[in-house]
Amino acid sequence: MFRKVKRKLKSLHLSIGLKLTLSLLSIAAVLLLSSVISVLEYSSMSNYVSSLIADSVRNIDYLEKLSDDIHGYNTQVMSVLWDEYLTEAPELNIEQDRAYCDSLRAHAGMPEVRAQADSLKISFDAFAERSRLLPDVVASTESTLDWYNWELKPLYDDFRERVFALNDLIYEELKTNSATFDRGYYRSVIPSAVAIAVGLLLILMLLFFSMAYYIRPLRRMLRSLEAYNLQGKRYTNTFEGDDELQRLNSGITDIVAENMLLKKRVSNLKTQLSEDKNK
C-alpha cells in the first residue's frame, strides 16, 4: 500500500514551488484548524458557564430580596405586637415572595441547590399561611406575644435557617462554576498548544527536507561548477529528483559537456593550425 502511494506521488512530478506551497499550506491549515477549534470550544464553554454563573448571581439577588422582605415583615409584626397603640397588621406580599421562591428553584443548577430551594419554598408557605392569622390575633384580647413566640417565630427562624443554608449552597455553586470556567479556558487552549507544537514539527521537517533535497544539491552543483571552472574537471553531479532542480542539473551537465567538447575542438583546431604554419 505504501509503495503504491509512493509511486503515485512520484508520478505527480510536483514542482519546487508547488512542494513548498503545499508544505506551507499544510502548516497554515493545521494552525487555522486548531484556532477554529479553540475558538469554538472556548465560545461554547464560555456561553454555558457564563449562563450558570449568571443564574447563580441572579439567585443570590432573589434570595437577598426574599430575605429582606420577610425580615422587614417580621420586624413590622413585632412592632405591632409589642406596641399596643399600633392596631393595623402589616401585609405580606405573598405572591411576589412566592415568585422569588419559584425563580430560585427554576435557576438552580446543582441538585442540592434545587432541593434546598424546594425546602425554602415549603418553609415560606408555612410562614405565609400562619401570617394570615395576624389580623385576627391583633384584634383579639388574648396575649399576642405568646402567639408570636409559639406560632410565628419558630416558622420565621426555620425560614431564616433555610435562607442561610441556601445562600451557602449558591455561593458553593458559584465557586464550582468559576472553577469550571477556569478549567474550560485551559482546555480550550490545549488545541492551540498542540497545533503550535505540530506546526513547529512541520517547520522542522520542512527545513530538513529543504536542506536534504534543495540546499545540499545546490551546494553540490556549485562545488562541481567551481571544480570545472578552476580545475577543468568534468561535471559529474547527480541526484534523484523530478522537479526543476533536477532539470537544471541536467541542463548544466549538458552545457558543461558541450563546452568541454567545444574547448577540445578549439584546442585541436589551434594545434592543427600551428602544425600547418610550421610546414
Protein backbone atom coordinates (compact mmCIF):
# COMPACT_ATOMS: atom_id res chain seq x y z
CA MET A 1 0.00 0.00 0.00
CA PHE A 2 2.78 2.40 0.92
CA ARG A 3 4.69 1.58 -2.25
CA LYS A 4 1.63 2.31 -4.37
CA VAL A 5 1.20 5.69 -2.69
CA LYS A 6 4.89 6.40 -3.15
CA ARG A 7 4.73 5.57 -6.85
CA LYS A 8 1.68 7.77 -7.30
CA LEU A 9 3.44 10.64 -5.57
CA LYS A 10 6.48 10.21 -7.80
CA SER A 11 4.29 10.20 -10.89
CA LEU A 12 2.85 13.61 -9.99
CA HIS A 13 6.11 15.46 -10.83
CA LEU A 14 5.49 18.31 -8.40
CA SER A 15 7.48 21.47 -8.94
CA ILE A 16 9.63 23.11 -6.26
CA GLY A 17 7.20 25.98 -5.88
CA LEU A 18 4.25 23.62 -5.56
CA LYS A 19 6.03 21.47 -3.00
CA LEU A 20 6.92 24.47 -0.85
CA THR A 21 3.42 25.89 -1.27
CA LEU A 22 1.78 22.63 -0.21
CA SER A 23 4.10 22.36 2.78
CA LEU A 24 3.35 25.88 3.97
CA LEU A 25 -0.36 25.44 3.30
CA SER A 26 -0.32 22.27 5.41
CA ILE A 27 1.20 24.19 8.31
CA ALA A 28 -1.27 27.03 7.85
CA ALA A 29 -4.19 24.56 7.70
CA VAL A 30 -3.13 22.90 10.96
CA LEU A 31 -2.79 26.26 12.73
CA LEU A 32 -6.08 27.54 11.31
CA LEU A 33 -7.97 24.39 12.23
CA SER A 34 -6.64 24.44 15.77
CA SER A 35 -7.54 28.12 16.11
CA VAL A 36 -11.10 27.44 14.95
CA ILE A 37 -11.41 24.52 17.37
CA SER A 38 -10.08 26.65 20.22
CA VAL A 39 -12.46 29.50 19.45
CA LEU A 40 -15.47 27.19 19.18
CA GLU A 41 -14.53 25.29 22.33
CA TYR A 42 -13.97 28.47 24.31
CA SER A 43 -17.14 30.09 22.97
CA SER A 44 -19.27 27.05 23.81
CA MET A 45 -17.75 26.67 27.24
CA SER A 46 -17.91 30.40 27.94
CA ASN A 47 -21.59 30.68 26.98
CA TYR A 48 -22.56 27.65 29.06
CA VAL A 49 -20.59 28.55 32.18
CA SER A 50 -21.48 32.25 31.89
CA SER A 51 -25.14 31.25 31.89
CA LEU A 52 -24.62 29.17 35.05
CA ILE A 53 -22.73 31.99 36.74
CA ALA A 54 -25.46 34.47 35.75
CA ASP A 55 -28.08 32.13 37.25
CA SER A 56 -26.13 31.91 40.50
CA VAL A 57 -25.76 35.68 40.71
CA ARG A 58 -29.47 36.07 39.93
CA ASN A 59 -30.36 33.59 42.67
CA ILE A 60 -28.24 35.50 45.17
CA ASP A 61 -30.19 38.65 44.27
CA TYR A 62 -33.56 36.85 44.55
CA LEU A 63 -32.62 35.31 47.88
CA GLU A 64 -31.48 38.66 49.24
CA LYS A 65 -34.75 40.32 48.20
CA LEU A 66 -36.82 37.48 49.67
CA SER A 67 -34.88 37.55 52.93
CA ASP A 68 -35.16 41.32 53.22
CA ASP A 69 -38.89 41.18 52.55
CA ILE A 70 -39.56 38.51 55.20
CA HIS A 71 -37.23 40.18 57.69
CA GLY A 72 -38.94 43.53 57.16
CA TYR A 73 -42.34 41.93 57.57
CA ASN A 74 -41.27 40.19 60.77
CA THR A 75 -39.96 43.49 62.14
CA GLN A 76 -43.30 45.14 61.42
CA VAL A 77 -45.15 42.25 63.09
CA MET A 78 -43.03 42.61 66.21
CA SER A 79 -43.67 46.37 66.26
CA VAL A 80 -47.44 45.84 66.08
CA LEU A 81 -47.49 43.10 68.73
CA TRP A 82 -45.20 44.93 71.12
CA ASP A 83 -46.83 48.34 70.76
CA GLU A 84 -50.41 48.45 71.97
CA TYR A 85 -51.05 51.70 70.13
CA LEU A 86 -50.45 50.04 66.74
CA THR A 87 -53.51 48.10 65.68
CA GLU A 88 -53.06 47.76 61.92
CA ALA A 89 -51.49 44.44 60.93
CA PRO A 90 -48.83 44.59 58.17
CA GLU A 91 -49.37 42.70 54.95
CA LEU A 92 -47.00 40.17 53.45
CA ASN A 93 -46.53 40.28 49.69
CA ILE A 94 -47.10 36.54 49.30
CA GLU A 95 -47.35 36.48 45.51
CA GLN A 96 -44.09 38.33 44.95
CA ASP A 97 -42.20 36.33 47.57
CA ARG A 98 -43.51 33.05 46.18
CA ALA A 99 -42.32 34.19 42.73
CA TYR A 100 -38.85 34.66 44.24
CA CYS A 101 -39.01 31.10 45.59
CA ASP A 102 -40.05 29.76 42.19
CA SER A 103 -37.23 31.65 40.48
CA LEU A 104 -34.71 30.22 42.95
CA ARG A 105 -35.96 26.74 42.10
CA ALA A 106 -36.01 27.35 38.33
CA HIS A 107 -32.47 28.77 38.07
CA ALA A 108 -30.82 26.28 40.41
CA GLY A 109 -28.07 24.28 38.74
CA MET A 110 -26.87 21.79 41.34
CA PRO A 111 -29.37 19.21 42.68
CA GLU A 112 -28.50 20.26 46.24
CA VAL A 113 -29.43 23.87 45.47
CA ARG A 114 -32.68 22.78 43.85
CA ALA A 115 -33.61 20.60 46.87
CA GLN A 116 -32.80 23.39 49.30
CA ALA A 117 -34.87 25.83 47.23
CA ASP A 118 -37.81 23.42 47.49
CA SER A 119 -37.36 23.28 51.27
CA LEU A 120 -37.21 27.06 51.42
CA LYS A 121 -40.46 27.36 49.49
CA ILE A 122 -42.17 24.89 51.84
CA SER A 123 -40.92 26.88 54.83
CA PHE A 124 -42.10 30.13 53.26
CA ASP A 125 -45.55 28.71 52.53
CA ALA A 126 -45.88 27.62 56.16
CA PHE A 127 -44.82 31.07 57.38
CA ALA A 128 -47.14 32.85 54.91
CA GLU A 129 -50.08 30.64 55.86
CA ARG A 130 -49.58 31.33 59.55
CA SER A 131 -49.16 35.07 58.92
CA ARG A 132 -52.73 35.18 57.57
CA LEU A 133 -53.90 34.85 61.18
CA LEU A 134 -52.13 38.06 62.23
CA PRO A 135 -55.14 40.42 61.75
CA ASP A 136 -57.28 38.21 63.99
CA VAL A 137 -54.52 37.96 66.57
CA VAL A 138 -54.07 41.74 66.67
CA ALA A 139 -57.81 42.25 67.06
CA SER A 140 -58.13 39.66 69.82
CA THR A 141 -57.76 40.31 73.58
CA GLU A 142 -55.52 37.29 74.15
CA SER A 143 -51.77 37.51 74.58
CA THR A 144 -50.30 38.32 71.18
CA LEU A 145 -46.74 37.77 72.35
CA ASP A 146 -47.43 34.14 73.18
CA TRP A 147 -48.90 33.64 69.74
CA TYR A 148 -45.81 35.16 68.13
CA ASN A 149 -43.32 33.22 70.27
CA TRP A 150 -45.09 29.87 69.87
CA GLU A 151 -46.69 30.16 66.44
CA LEU A 152 -44.92 32.61 64.11
CA LYS A 153 -41.38 32.94 65.43
CA PRO A 154 -40.47 29.21 65.04
CA LEU A 155 -41.56 29.37 61.41
CA TYR A 156 -39.57 32.58 60.90
CA ASP A 157 -36.47 31.03 62.49
CA ASP A 158 -36.83 27.94 60.32
CA PHE A 159 -37.15 30.15 57.23
CA ARG A 160 -34.03 32.10 58.17
CA GLU A 161 -32.01 28.92 58.68
CA ARG A 162 -33.04 27.65 55.28
CA VAL A 163 -32.12 31.01 53.74
CA PHE A 164 -28.62 30.78 55.21
CA ALA A 165 -28.25 27.16 54.04
CA LEU A 166 -29.41 28.02 50.53
CA ASN A 167 -27.14 31.05 50.42
CA ASP A 168 -24.13 28.88 51.28
CA LEU A 169 -25.07 26.37 48.59
CA ILE A 170 -25.50 29.09 45.96
CA TYR A 171 -22.06 30.51 46.75
CA GLU A 172 -20.63 26.99 46.58
CA GLU A 173 -22.30 26.55 43.19
CA LEU A 174 -20.89 29.88 42.03
CA LYS A 175 -17.43 28.80 43.17
CA THR A 176 -17.78 25.49 41.32
CA ASN A 177 -18.91 27.23 38.13
CA SER A 178 -15.99 29.66 38.33
CA ALA A 179 -13.58 26.74 38.69
CA THR A 180 -15.27 25.06 35.71
CA PHE A 181 -14.77 28.23 33.70
CA ASP A 182 -11.06 28.23 34.55
CA ARG A 183 -10.68 24.56 33.60
CA GLY A 184 -12.62 25.15 30.38
CA TYR A 185 -10.33 28.03 29.49
CA TYR A 186 -7.23 25.91 29.81
CA ARG A 187 -8.96 23.06 27.95
CA SER A 188 -9.71 25.41 25.06
CA VAL A 189 -6.04 26.44 24.96
CA ILE A 190 -4.86 22.83 24.51
CA PRO A 191 -5.73 22.62 20.77
CA SER A 192 -3.73 25.78 20.13
CA ALA A 193 -0.77 24.44 22.09
CA VAL A 194 -0.93 21.15 20.21
CA ALA A 195 -1.22 22.98 16.89
CA ILE A 196 1.78 25.14 17.71
CA ALA A 197 3.79 22.03 18.57
CA VAL A 198 2.67 20.32 15.36
CA GLY A 199 3.38 23.48 13.39
CA LEU A 200 6.91 23.66 14.81
CA LEU A 201 7.42 20.00 13.99
CA LEU A 202 6.23 20.55 10.43
CA ILE A 203 8.51 23.56 10.09
CA LEU A 204 11.48 21.47 11.28
CA MET A 205 10.52 18.74 8.83
CA LEU A 206 10.21 21.31 6.05
CA LEU A 207 13.65 22.66 6.97
CA PHE A 208 15.10 19.14 6.95
CA PHE A 209 13.64 18.27 3.56
CA SER A 210 14.65 21.64 2.16
CA MET A 211 18.22 21.04 3.30
CA ALA A 212 18.22 17.44 2.05
CA TYR A 213 16.54 17.91 -1.32
CA TYR A 214 17.34 21.50 -2.31
CA ILE A 215 20.13 23.20 -0.33
CA ARG A 216 22.58 20.29 -0.40
CA PRO A 217 22.04 19.53 -4.11
CA LEU A 218 22.56 23.21 -4.90
CA ARG A 219 25.82 23.22 -2.91
CA ARG A 220 26.97 20.08 -4.74
CA MET A 221 26.13 21.71 -8.05
CA LEU A 222 28.11 24.81 -7.02
CA ARG A 223 31.14 22.76 -5.96
CA SER A 224 31.04 20.81 -9.25
CA LEU A 225 30.88 24.06 -11.23
CA GLU A 226 33.81 25.51 -9.27
CA ALA A 227 35.81 22.32 -9.86
CA TYR A 228 35.06 22.60 -13.58
CA ASN A 229 35.94 26.30 -13.79
CA LEU A 230 39.07 26.18 -11.63
CA GLN A 231 40.43 22.71 -12.26
CA GLY A 232 38.82 21.72 -15.53
CA LYS A 233 37.22 18.63 -14.03
CA ARG A 234 34.17 17.05 -15.54
CA TYR A 235 30.76 18.00 -14.12
CA THR A 236 29.55 14.70 -12.63
CA ASN A 237 26.98 15.83 -10.08
CA THR A 238 23.88 13.58 -9.97
CA PHE A 239 20.96 13.23 -7.55
CA GLU A 240 17.43 11.92 -7.56
CA GLY A 241 14.53 14.18 -8.34
CA ASP A 242 11.86 15.10 -10.82
CA ASP A 243 11.48 18.84 -10.37
CA GLU A 244 13.11 22.00 -11.75
CA LEU A 245 16.27 21.41 -9.75
CA GLN A 246 16.86 18.07 -11.45
CA ARG A 247 16.20 19.59 -14.87
CA LEU A 248 18.58 22.44 -14.02
CA ASN A 249 21.29 19.96 -13.05
CA SER A 250 20.74 18.01 -16.28
CA GLY A 251 20.91 21.24 -18.26
CA ILE A 252 24.18 22.26 -16.59
CA THR A 253 25.61 18.79 -17.23
CA ASP A 254 24.76 19.07 -20.93
CA ILE A 255 26.10 22.61 -21.22
CA VAL A 256 29.35 21.72 -19.45
CA ALA A 257 29.77 18.64 -21.64
CA GLU A 258 29.18 20.69 -24.78
CA ASN A 259 31.54 23.38 -23.51
CA MET A 260 34.26 20.83 -22.83
CA LEU A 261 33.74 19.33 -26.28
CA LEU A 262 33.91 22.80 -27.79
CA LYS A 263 37.12 23.58 -25.91
CA LYS A 264 38.59 20.32 -27.12
CA ARG A 265 37.70 21.12 -30.71
CA VAL A 266 39.14 24.63 -30.37
CA SER A 267 42.31 23.17 -28.88
CA ASN A 268 42.59 20.62 -31.69
CA LEU A 269 41.97 23.35 -34.25
CA LYS A 270 44.69 25.55 -32.75
CA THR A 271 47.08 22.61 -32.77
CA GLN A 272 46.32 21.84 -36.41
CA LEU A 273 46.79 25.49 -37.42
CA SER A 274 50.09 25.60 -35.60
CA GLU A 275 51.28 22.48 -37.39
CA ASP A 276 50.21 23.89 -40.76
CA LYS A 277 52.25 27.07 -40.15
CA ASN A 278 55.30 25.08 -39.24
CA LYS A 279 55.08 23.20 -42.51
